[in-house]
C-alpha atoms as a PDB file:
ATOM      1  CA  MET A   1      -3.126  40.120  20.990  1.00  0.00           C
ATOM      2  CA  HIS A   2      -5.370  37.691  22.691  1.00  0.00           C
ATOM      3  CA  ARG A   3      -4.329  35.703  25.934  1.00  0.00           C
ATOM      4  CA  LEU A   4      -5.551  31.877  25.848  1.00  0.00           C
ATOM      5  CA  ALA A   5      -8.557  31.359  28.278  1.00  0.00           C
ATOM      6  CA  LEU A   6      -6.231  29.089  30.432  1.00  0.00           C
ATOM      7  CA  THR A   7      -4.494  32.254  31.731  1.00  0.00           C
ATOM      8  CA  THR A   8      -6.975  32.480  34.769  1.00  0.00           C
ATOM      9  CA  GLN A   9      -7.737  28.729  35.061  1.00  0.00           C
ATOM     10  CA  LYS A  10      -7.592  27.502  38.667  1.00  0.00           C
ATOM     11  CA  PRO A  11      -5.706  24.343  39.430  1.00  0.00           C
ATOM     12  CA  VAL A  12      -7.378  21.151  39.261  1.00  0.00           C
ATOM     13  CA  ASP A  13      -8.391  19.393  42.472  1.00  0.00           C
ATOM     14  CA  TYR A  14      -5.772  16.810  42.128  1.00  0.00           C
ATOM     15  CA  GLU A  15      -2.983  19.026  42.071  1.00  0.00           C
ATOM     16  CA  GLN A  16      -4.305  20.862  45.123  1.00  0.00           C
ATOM     17  CA  SER A  17      -4.425  17.832  46.991  1.00  0.00           C
ATOM     18  CA  LEU A  18      -0.745  17.148  46.350  1.00  0.00           C
ATOM     19  CA  LEU A  19       0.429  20.703  46.998  1.00  0.00           C
ATOM     20  CA  THR A  20       1.276  20.476  50.793  1.00  0.00           C
ATOM     21  CA  ALA A  21       3.057  16.989  50.279  1.00  0.00           C
ATOM     22  CA  ASN A  22       5.270  18.050  47.452  1.00  0.00           C
ATOM     23  CA  LEU A  23       6.201  21.520  48.617  1.00  0.00           C
ATOM     24  CA  LYS A  24       7.631  19.756  51.862  1.00  0.00           C
ATOM     25  CA  LYS A  25       9.868  17.657  49.235  1.00  0.00           C
ATOM     26  CA  LYS A  26      11.543  20.687  47.969  1.00  0.00           C
ATOM     27  CA  ARG A  27      14.751  20.312  49.392  1.00  0.00           C
ATOM     28  CA  GLY A  28      15.725  23.399  51.248  1.00  0.00           C
ATOM     29  CA  TYR A  29      12.865  25.229  49.746  1.00  0.00           C
ATOM     30  CA  SER A  30      12.144  28.722  50.837  1.00  0.00           C
ATOM     31  CA  PRO A  31      10.181  31.540  49.323  1.00  0.00           C
ATOM     32  CA  SER A  32      12.806  33.971  50.548  1.00  0.00           C
ATOM     33  CA  GLU A  33      15.848  32.001  49.004  1.00  0.00           C
ATOM     34  CA  LYS A  34      18.604  34.261  47.795  1.00  0.00           C
ATOM     35  CA  PRO A  35      18.764  34.755  44.029  1.00  0.00           C
ATOM     36  CA  LEU A  36      21.342  33.068  41.792  1.00  0.00           C
ATOM     37  CA  ASN A  37      23.416  36.205  41.648  1.00  0.00           C
ATOM     38  CA  SER A  38      23.754  36.660  45.412  1.00  0.00           C
ATOM     39  CA  HIS A  39      27.096  36.141  47.168  1.00  0.00           C
ATOM     40  CA  SER A  40      27.214  33.197  49.778  1.00  0.00           C
ATOM     41  CA  LYS A  41      30.054  32.401  52.174  1.00  0.00           C
ATOM     42  CA  ASN A  42      29.003  28.784  51.783  1.00  0.00           C
ATOM     43  CA  LEU A  43      29.163  28.561  47.988  1.00  0.00           C
ATOM     44  CA  PRO A  44      32.564  27.722  46.403  1.00  0.00           C
ATOM     45  CA  HIS A  45      33.051  29.564  43.228  1.00  0.00           C
ATOM     46  CA  ALA A  46      34.085  28.007  39.697  1.00  0.00           C
ATOM     47  CA  GLN A  47      35.984  29.671  37.166  1.00  0.00           C
ATOM     48  CA  SER A  48      34.011  32.573  35.240  1.00  0.00           C
ATOM     49  CA  GLY A  49      32.114  31.447  32.333  1.00  0.00           C
ATOM     50  CA  THR A  50      31.975  27.626  32.594  1.00  0.00           C
ATOM     51  CA  ALA A  51      28.644  26.294  31.361  1.00  0.00           C
ATOM     52  CA  MET A  52      27.607  22.871  32.719  1.00  0.00           C
ATOM     53  CA  PRO A  53      25.280  21.110  30.311  1.00  0.00           C
ATOM     54  CA  PHE A  54      24.515  17.458  31.042  1.00  0.00           C
ATOM     55  CA  THR A  55      27.003  15.014  29.363  1.00  0.00           C
ATOM     56  CA  GLN A  56      24.949  11.841  28.365  1.00  0.00           C
ATOM     57  CA  ALA A  57      21.558  10.972  27.008  1.00  0.00           C
ATOM     58  CA  VAL A  58      19.545   8.973  29.466  1.00  0.00           C
ATOM     59  CA  TYR A  59      15.840   9.544  28.936  1.00  0.00           C
ATOM     60  CA  PRO A  60      13.927   7.474  28.237  1.00  0.00           C
ATOM     61  CA  SER A  61      15.795   4.501  29.647  1.00  0.00           C
ATOM     62  CA  ALA A  62      15.524   1.542  31.786  1.00  0.00           C
ATOM     63  CA  ALA A  63      18.022   3.155  34.256  1.00  0.00           C
ATOM     64  CA  SER A  64      17.028   3.414  37.852  1.00  0.00           C
ATOM     65  CA  LYS A  65      16.188   6.745  39.699  1.00  0.00           C
ATOM     66  CA  ASP A  66      19.639   6.449  41.549  1.00  0.00           C
ATOM     67  CA  SER A  67      21.528   6.429  38.268  1.00  0.00           C
ATOM     68  CA  HIS A  68      19.641   9.449  37.014  1.00  0.00           C
ATOM     69  CA  VAL A  69      20.530  11.358  40.123  1.00  0.00           C
ATOM     70  CA  GLN A  70      24.100  10.202  39.990  1.00  0.00           C
ATOM     71  CA  LEU A  71      24.466  11.277  36.265  1.00  0.00           C
ATOM     72  CA  ALA A  72      23.061  14.721  37.397  1.00  0.00           C
ATOM     73  CA  LYS A  73      25.411  14.948  40.284  1.00  0.00           C
ATOM     74  CA  LYS A  74      28.281  14.227  38.041  1.00  0.00           C
ATOM     75  CA  ALA A  75      27.391  16.772  35.302  1.00  0.00           C
ATOM     76  CA  LEU A  76      26.257  19.420  37.704  1.00  0.00           C
ATOM     77  CA  GLY A  77      28.971  19.138  40.254  1.00  0.00           C
ATOM     78  CA  THR A  78      26.146  19.045  42.844  1.00  0.00           C
ATOM     79  CA  ASN A  79      26.094  18.370  46.368  1.00  0.00           C
ATOM     80  CA  ILE A  80      22.836  16.448  46.182  1.00  0.00           C
ATOM     81  CA  SER A  81      22.517  15.937  49.866  1.00  0.00           C
ATOM     82  CA  SER A  82      22.546  19.535  50.758  1.00  0.00           C
ATOM     83  CA  GLY A  83      20.991  20.718  47.510  1.00  0.00           C
ATOM     84  CA  VAL A  84      23.775  23.402  46.859  1.00  0.00           C
ATOM     85  CA  GLU A  85      25.616  23.340  43.627  1.00  0.00           C
ATOM     86  CA  LYS A  86      29.210  24.140  43.142  1.00  0.00           C
ATOM     87  CA  GLY A  87      30.348  27.145  40.994  1.00  0.00           C
ATOM     88  CA  VAL A  88      27.420  29.658  41.554  1.00  0.00           C
ATOM     89  CA  ASN A  89      28.932  33.027  40.360  1.00  0.00           C
ATOM     90  CA  THR A  90      27.780  36.601  40.383  1.00  0.00           C
ATOM     91  CA  HIS A  91      25.474  37.520  37.561  1.00  0.00           C
ATOM     92  CA  LYS A  92      26.725  40.415  35.374  1.00  0.00           C
ATOM     93  CA  ARG A  93      24.923  41.134  32.017  1.00  0.00           C
ATOM     94  CA  THR A  94      27.110  40.903  29.040  1.00  0.00           C
ATOM     95  CA  LYS A  95      26.262  41.255  25.261  1.00  0.00           C
ATOM     96  CA  MET A  96      25.982  38.325  22.793  1.00  0.00           C
ATOM     97  CA  SER A  97      28.409  38.366  19.953  1.00  0.00           C
ATOM     98  CA  THR A  98      27.061  39.813  16.614  1.00  0.00           C
ATOM     99  CA  ARG A  99      25.547  37.215  14.388  1.00  0.00           C
ATOM    100  CA  HIS A 100      23.063  36.845  11.613  1.00  0.00           C
ATOM    101  CA  LYS A 101      19.620  36.255  12.793  1.00  0.00           C
ATOM    102  CA  CYS A 102      18.256  32.842  12.461  1.00  0.00           C
ATOM    103  CA  ALA A 103      15.411  32.525   9.609  1.00  0.00           C
ATOM    104  CA  LYS A 104      14.477  28.901   9.921  1.00  0.00           C
ATOM    105  CA  LYS A 105      10.825  27.859  10.101  1.00  0.00           C
ATOM    106  CA  ILE A 106      10.085  27.332  13.725  1.00  0.00           C
ATOM    107  CA  ASP A 107       7.265  27.559  16.193  1.00  0.00           C
ATOM    108  CA  LEU A 108       9.178  28.399  19.479  1.00  0.00           C
ATOM    109  CA  ALA A 109       7.394  28.618  22.847  1.00  0.00           C
ATOM    110  CA  ILE A 110       9.309  30.059  25.621  1.00  0.00           C
ATOM    111  CA  VAL A 111       7.968  28.976  29.141  1.00  0.00           C
ATOM    112  CA  LEU A 112       9.103  30.646  32.264  1.00  0.00           C
ATOM    113  CA  ASP A 113       8.524  29.133  35.868  1.00  0.00           C
ATOM    114  CA  ALA A 114       7.167  32.070  37.947  1.00  0.00           C
ATOM    115  CA  SER A 115       6.671  30.231  41.149  1.00  0.00           C
ATOM    116  CA  ALA A 116       7.842  30.796  44.742  1.00  0.00           C
ATOM    117  CA  SER A 117      10.944  28.642  44.569  1.00  0.00           C
ATOM    118  CA  ILE A 118      12.367  30.640  41.675  1.00  0.00           C
ATOM    119  CA  GLY A 119      12.640  33.924  43.471  1.00  0.00           C
ATOM    120  CA  GLU A 120      12.066  37.276  41.881  1.00  0.00           C
ATOM    121  CA  GLU A 121      15.609  38.074  40.974  1.00  0.00           C
ATOM    122  CA  ASN A 122      15.881  34.863  39.265  1.00  0.00           C
ATOM    123  CA  PHE A 123      12.676  35.378  37.246  1.00  0.00           C
ATOM    124  CA  LYS A 124      14.091  38.517  36.002  1.00  0.00           C
ATOM    125  CA  LEU A 125      17.048  36.806  34.999  1.00  0.00           C
ATOM    126  CA  ALA A 126      14.905  34.343  32.986  1.00  0.00           C
ATOM    127  CA  LYS A 127      13.263  37.386  31.459  1.00  0.00           C
ATOM    128  CA  ASP A 128      16.683  38.735  30.323  1.00  0.00           C
ATOM    129  CA  LEU A 129      17.730  35.303  28.989  1.00  0.00           C
ATOM    130  CA  THR A 130      14.470  35.262  27.137  1.00  0.00           C
ATOM    131  CA  ARG A 131      14.902  38.715  25.742  1.00  0.00           C
ATOM    132  CA  THR A 132      18.384  37.871  24.619  1.00  0.00           C
ATOM    133  CA  LEU A 133      17.056  34.691  22.937  1.00  0.00           C
ATOM    134  CA  LEU A 134      14.345  36.014  20.875  1.00  0.00           C
ATOM    135  CA  ARG A 135      16.716  38.585  19.489  1.00  0.00           C
ATOM    136  CA  GLN A 136      18.484  35.637  17.755  1.00  0.00           C
ATOM    137  CA  PHE A 137      15.640  34.961  15.480  1.00  0.00           C
ATOM    138  CA  GLU A 138      14.147  36.528  12.362  1.00  0.00           C
ATOM    139  CA  ILE A 139      10.512  36.983  13.528  1.00  0.00           C
ATOM    140  CA  SER A 140       7.906  36.837  10.830  1.00  0.00           C
ATOM    141  CA  LYS A 141       4.790  34.662   9.781  1.00  0.00           C
ATOM    142  CA  ASP A 142       6.833  32.792   7.412  1.00  0.00           C
ATOM    143  CA  GLU A 143       9.911  32.043   9.503  1.00  0.00           C
ATOM    144  CA  VAL A 144      10.193  31.997  13.219  1.00  0.00           C
ATOM    145  CA  LEU A 145       7.007  32.515  15.490  1.00  0.00           C
ATOM    146  CA  ILE A 146       7.466  32.840  19.145  1.00  0.00           C
ATOM    147  CA  SER A 147       5.059  32.509  22.016  1.00  0.00           C
ATOM    148  CA  LEU A 148       5.644  33.469  25.611  1.00  0.00           C
ATOM    149  CA  VAL A 149       4.376  31.471  28.628  1.00  0.00           C
ATOM    150  CA  SER A 150       4.868  32.113  32.435  1.00  0.00           C
ATOM    151  CA  TYR A 151       3.222  29.893  35.025  1.00  0.00           C
ATOM    152  CA  SER A 152       2.881  29.331  38.718  1.00  0.00           C
ATOM    153  CA  GLN A 153      -0.681  28.634  40.268  1.00  0.00           C
ATOM    154  CA  HIS A 154      -1.966  30.221  37.074  1.00  0.00           C
ATOM    155  CA  ILE A 155      -0.764  29.925  33.336  1.00  0.00           C
ATOM    156  CA  ASP A 156      -0.325  33.074  31.318  1.00  0.00           C
ATOM    157  CA  VAL A 157       0.044  32.873  27.515  1.00  0.00           C
ATOM    158  CA  ALA A 158       0.826  36.248  25.940  1.00  0.00           C
ATOM    159  CA  PRO A 159       1.446  36.510  22.960  1.00  0.00           C
ATOM    160  CA  LYS A 160       0.156  33.258  21.173  1.00  0.00           C
ATOM    161  CA  PHE A 161       2.258  32.368  17.963  1.00  0.00           C
ATOM    162  CA  ASP A 162       0.100  34.249  15.608  1.00  0.00           C
ATOM    163  CA  ASP A 163      -0.255  37.539  17.655  1.00  0.00           C
ATOM    164  CA  TYR A 164       2.915  39.302  16.827  1.00  0.00           C
ATOM    165  CA  TYR A 165       5.495  39.220  14.075  1.00  0.00           C
ATOM    166  CA  ASN A 166       7.628  41.917  15.642  1.00  0.00           C
ATOM    167  CA  GLU A 167      10.604  41.839  17.999  1.00  0.00           C
ATOM    168  CA  THR A 168       9.620  45.176  19.738  1.00  0.00           C
ATOM    169  CA  GLN A 169       6.083  43.841  20.352  1.00  0.00           C
ATOM    170  CA  LEU A 170       7.241  40.496  21.736  1.00  0.00           C
ATOM    171  CA  GLU A 171       9.700  42.322  24.265  1.00  0.00           C
ATOM    172  CA  ARG A 172       6.908  44.519  25.425  1.00  0.00           C
ATOM    173  CA  ALA A 173       4.650  41.366  26.030  1.00  0.00           C
ATOM    174  CA  LEU A 174       7.554  39.889  27.874  1.00  0.00           C
ATOM    175  CA  ASP A 175       7.632  42.907  30.191  1.00  0.00           C
ATOM    176  CA  ARG A 176       4.094  42.399  31.084  1.00  0.00           C
ATOM    177  CA  HIS A 177       4.631  38.734  32.426  1.00  0.00           C
ATOM    178  CA  PHE A 178       5.063  39.045  36.166  1.00  0.00           C
ATOM    179  CA  TYR A 179       6.312  36.940  39.044  1.00  0.00           C
ATOM    180  CA  GLU A 180       3.338  35.415  40.638  1.00  0.00           C
ATOM    181  CA  SER A 181       5.372  33.484  43.368  1.00  0.00           C
ATOM    182  CA  SER A 182       2.787  30.861  44.028  1.00  0.00           C
ATOM    183  CA  SER A 183       2.690  27.119  43.416  1.00  0.00           C
ATOM    184  CA  THR A 184       4.413  25.432  40.516  1.00  0.00           C
ATOM    185  CA  SER A 185       1.846  23.955  37.933  1.00  0.00           C
ATOM    186  CA  THR A 186       4.358  22.613  35.514  1.00  0.00           C
ATOM    187  CA  GLY A 187       2.123  19.726  34.502  1.00  0.00           C
ATOM    188  CA  ARG A 188      -0.840  21.874  33.594  1.00  0.00           C
ATOM    189  CA  ALA A 189       1.544  24.218  31.752  1.00  0.00           C
ATOM    190  CA  LEU A 190       2.807  21.514  29.566  1.00  0.00           C
ATOM    191  CA  LYS A 191      -0.534  20.196  29.072  1.00  0.00           C
ATOM    192  CA  MET A 192      -1.783  23.599  27.921  1.00  0.00           C
ATOM    193  CA  VAL A 193       1.280  24.188  25.743  1.00  0.00           C
ATOM    194  CA  THR A 194       0.971  20.719  23.980  1.00  0.00           C
ATOM    195  CA  ASN A 195      -2.856  20.722  23.474  1.00  0.00           C
ATOM    196  CA  ASP A 196      -3.705  24.377  23.007  1.00  0.00           C
ATOM    197  CA  LEU A 197      -0.717  26.538  22.075  1.00  0.00           C
ATOM    198  CA  PHE A 198       0.474  24.100  19.626  1.00  0.00           C
ATOM    199  CA  GLY A 199      -2.911  23.778  18.299  1.00  0.00           C
ATOM    200  CA  VAL A 200      -5.462  25.881  16.204  1.00  0.00           C
ATOM    201  CA  LYS A 201      -6.276  28.381  19.146  1.00  0.00           C
ATOM    202  CA  GLY A 202      -2.521  28.888  19.801  1.00  0.00           C
ATOM    203  CA  GLY A 203      -1.763  29.906  16.253  1.00  0.00           C
ATOM    204  CA  ALA A 204       0.805  27.221  15.569  1.00  0.00           C
ATOM    205  CA  ARG A 205       1.414  26.094  11.905  1.00  0.00           C
ATOM    206  CA  ILE A 206      -0.424  22.850  12.069  1.00  0.00           C
ATOM    207  CA  GLY A 207       0.203  20.313   9.407  1.00  0.00           C
ATOM    208  CA  HIS A 208       3.424  22.185   8.220  1.00  0.00           C
ATOM    209  CA  ARG A 209       5.971  19.351   8.016  1.00  0.00           C
ATOM    210  CA  ASP A 210       8.828  21.790   7.515  1.00  0.00           C
ATOM    211  CA  VAL A 211       8.140  23.918  10.817  1.00  0.00           C
ATOM    212  CA  ARG A 212      10.177  22.704  13.851  1.00  0.00           C
ATOM    213  CA  LYS A 213       8.149  22.738  16.935  1.00  0.00           C
ATOM    214  CA  VAL A 214      10.371  23.815  19.961  1.00  0.00           C
ATOM    215  CA  VAL A 215       9.874  24.539  23.727  1.00  0.00           C
ATOM    216  CA  VAL A 216      12.409  26.072  25.878  1.00  0.00           C
ATOM    217  CA  ILE A 217      11.360  25.914  29.553  1.00  0.00           C
ATOM    218  CA  VAL A 218      13.312  27.590  32.398  1.00  0.00           C
ATOM    219  CA  THR A 219      12.730  26.100  35.745  1.00  0.00           C
ATOM    220  CA  ASP A 220      14.146  24.767  39.007  1.00  0.00           C
ATOM    221  CA  GLY A 221      12.361  21.408  38.435  1.00  0.00           C
ATOM    222  CA  PHE A 222      10.291  21.524  41.594  1.00  0.00           C
ATOM    223  CA  SER A 223       6.802  21.130  40.350  1.00  0.00           C
ATOM    224  CA  THR A 224       3.978  20.920  42.889  1.00  0.00           C
ATOM    225  CA  THR A 225       2.858  17.390  41.829  1.00  0.00           C
ATOM    226  CA  GLY A 226       6.309  15.963  41.330  1.00  0.00           C
ATOM    227  CA  VAL A 227       7.989  14.324  38.402  1.00  0.00           C
ATOM    228  CA  GLU A 228       5.694  11.154  38.257  1.00  0.00           C
ATOM    229  CA  PHE A 229       2.806  13.274  37.309  1.00  0.00           C
ATOM    230  CA  LEU A 230       4.793  14.974  34.713  1.00  0.00           C
ATOM    231  CA  LYS A 231       5.751  11.997  32.704  1.00  0.00           C
ATOM    232  CA  ASP A 232       2.455  11.378  30.914  1.00  0.00           C
ATOM    233  CA  LYS A 233       2.573  15.298  29.958  1.00  0.00           C
ATOM    234  CA  VAL A 234       6.179  14.946  28.553  1.00  0.00           C
ATOM    235  CA  ARG A 235       5.286  11.852  26.548  1.00  0.00           C
ATOM    236  CA  MET A 236       2.309  13.717  24.971  1.00  0.00           C
ATOM    237  CA  MET A 237       4.900  16.529  23.943  1.00  0.00           C
ATOM    238  CA  ARG A 238       7.162  14.012  22.427  1.00  0.00           C
ATOM    239  CA  ASP A 239       4.257  12.258  20.547  1.00  0.00           C
ATOM    240  CA  GLN A 240       3.525  15.541  18.919  1.00  0.00           C
ATOM    241  CA  GLY A 241       7.256  16.041  17.875  1.00  0.00           C
ATOM    242  CA  ILE A 242       7.867  18.922  20.178  1.00  0.00           C
ATOM    243  CA  GLU A 243      11.480  19.254  20.917  1.00  0.00           C
ATOM    244  CA  VAL A 244      12.232  20.353  24.594  1.00  0.00           C
ATOM    245  CA  PHE A 245      15.145  22.532  25.740  1.00  0.00           C
ATOM    246  CA  VAL A 246      15.464  22.798  29.578  1.00  0.00           C
ATOM    247  CA  ILE A 247      17.340  25.479  31.426  1.00  0.00           C
ATOM    248  CA  GLY A 248      17.920  24.921  35.195  1.00  0.00           C
ATOM    249  CA  ILE A 249      17.903  28.127  37.172  1.00  0.00           C
ATOM    250  CA  THR A 250      18.308  28.817  40.978  1.00  0.00           C
ATOM    251  CA  ARG A 251      20.909  27.524  43.384  1.00  0.00           C
ATOM    252  CA  ARG A 252      18.651  24.420  44.075  1.00  0.00           C
ATOM    253  CA  ILE A 253      17.444  22.202  41.344  1.00  0.00           C
ATOM    254  CA  ASN A 254      15.490  18.870  40.924  1.00  0.00           C
ATOM    255  CA  GLU A 255      17.862  17.022  38.802  1.00  0.00           C
ATOM    256  CA  GLU A 256      15.356  14.072  38.221  1.00  0.00           C
ATOM    257  CA  GLU A 257      12.634  16.244  36.941  1.00  0.00           C
ATOM    258  CA  LEU A 258      14.944  18.374  34.599  1.00  0.00           C
ATOM    259  CA  LEU A 259      16.086  15.120  33.218  1.00  0.00           C
ATOM    260  CA  ALA A 260      12.585  13.860  32.501  1.00  0.00           C
ATOM    261  CA  LEU A 261      11.578  17.183  30.930  1.00  0.00           C
ATOM    262  CA  SER A 262      14.414  17.524  28.463  1.00  0.00           C
ATOM    263  CA  SER A 263      14.630  15.916  24.847  1.00  0.00           C
ATOM    264  CA  ALA A 264      17.278  13.388  23.922  1.00  0.00           C
ATOM    265  CA  PRO A 265      20.273  13.779  23.679  1.00  0.00           C
ATOM    266  CA  VAL A 266      20.249  15.247  27.080  1.00  0.00           C
ATOM    267  CA  LYS A 267      23.762  16.789  26.583  1.00  0.00           C
ATOM    268  CA  ASN A 268      22.330  18.985  23.798  1.00  0.00           C
ATOM    269  CA  HIS A 269      19.092  19.922  25.572  1.00  0.00           C
ATOM    270  CA  LEU A 270      19.800  20.366  29.195  1.00  0.00           C
ATOM    271  CA  PHE A 271      21.743  23.334  30.733  1.00  0.00           C
ATOM    272  CA  ARG A 272      22.390  24.975  33.800  1.00  0.00           C
ATOM    273  CA  ILE A 273      22.768  28.787  34.350  1.00  0.00           C
ATOM    274  CA  ASN A 274      25.605  29.619  36.809  1.00  0.00           C
ATOM    275  CA  ASP A 275      26.334  33.234  35.500  1.00  0.00           C
ATOM    276  CA  SER A 276      25.760  35.670  32.412  1.00  0.00           C
ATOM    277  CA  GLN A 277      28.644  33.858  30.723  1.00  0.00           C
ATOM    278  CA  ASP A 278      26.625  30.665  30.774  1.00  0.00           C
ATOM    279  CA  VAL A 279      23.664  32.468  29.539  1.00  0.00           C
ATOM    280  CA  ASN A 280      25.240  33.545  26.488  1.00  0.00           C
ATOM    281  CA  LYS A 281      26.734  30.046  25.842  1.00  0.00           C
ATOM    282  CA  ILE A 282      23.431  28.312  26.392  1.00  0.00           C
ATOM    283  CA  ILE A 283      21.653  30.615  23.964  1.00  0.00           C
ATOM    284  CA  GLU A 284      24.381  30.214  21.405  1.00  0.00           C
ATOM    285  CA  SER A 285      24.224  26.376  21.788  1.00  0.00           C
ATOM    286  CA  ILE A 286      20.413  26.394  21.335  1.00  0.00           C
ATOM    287  CA  THR A 287      20.372  28.688  18.365  1.00  0.00           C
ATOM    288  CA  ASN A 288      23.181  26.715  16.574  1.00  0.00           C
ATOM    289  CA  GLN A 289      21.283  23.518  17.103  1.00  0.00           C
ATOM    290  CA  LEU A 290      17.882  25.069  15.742  1.00  0.00           C
ATOM    291  CA  CYS A 291      19.649  27.042  12.967  1.00  0.00           C
ATOM    292  CA  LYS A 292      22.017  24.647  11.417  1.00  0.00           C
END
């Protein structure tokens, strides 16, 4: 297995210049934030197992920023002024129901935010979700190819699409992805995924019109450079026909950025984790859409 050269690339100067200003904009951000599975006296609890995907496609559109935020507030049940969401439940690991593995032709990149605002326990939850997701697919050079990416200040791509055709090898590679707990280089990660991973050096099946190109990104939406910097990167992904599913994680999320990242219709591509039941429902929704 080979890691792409960008694994150890330093952030560009422009992102470094915006680091301090944007970290201050992370509402209530703290590296010591309690994980999603923590109890809190201040957090009301919703009924168990209620997934909260968005309910309307809004990107791209001429709607104002305020309308995006109001849509997110309505869909997520969020107290936007305080940055605390309703319905955060205790995480308990559960099993997915038995089903046949998906054998469609898909190049699937799973991208995990490993920055400080995620928190180590939530990063572990994201890896558990990834492990369950990849088990839903028939992995082979002729069917589903999977690449794993984690990012913070640096970007780690391991494996590329053509490194492994085996579920066990992929799970071992996932275990080697670590929680960096630094800045959030979402823009650089998306650029690398678009230009390199879904290119020749990334092992993607270029020129195969019957191969679906998919990215699943797990993040809180608080990139170092902010949502405006991401929009060009997102446009590049769409221009290349890459479909993006977004899974919001942690108790605080940036609704505007998650909306910008997700493909349309948003109701099918943007989800929020509240507990392990939601994880299973989200995975089932994604696999059903990709494998129908």
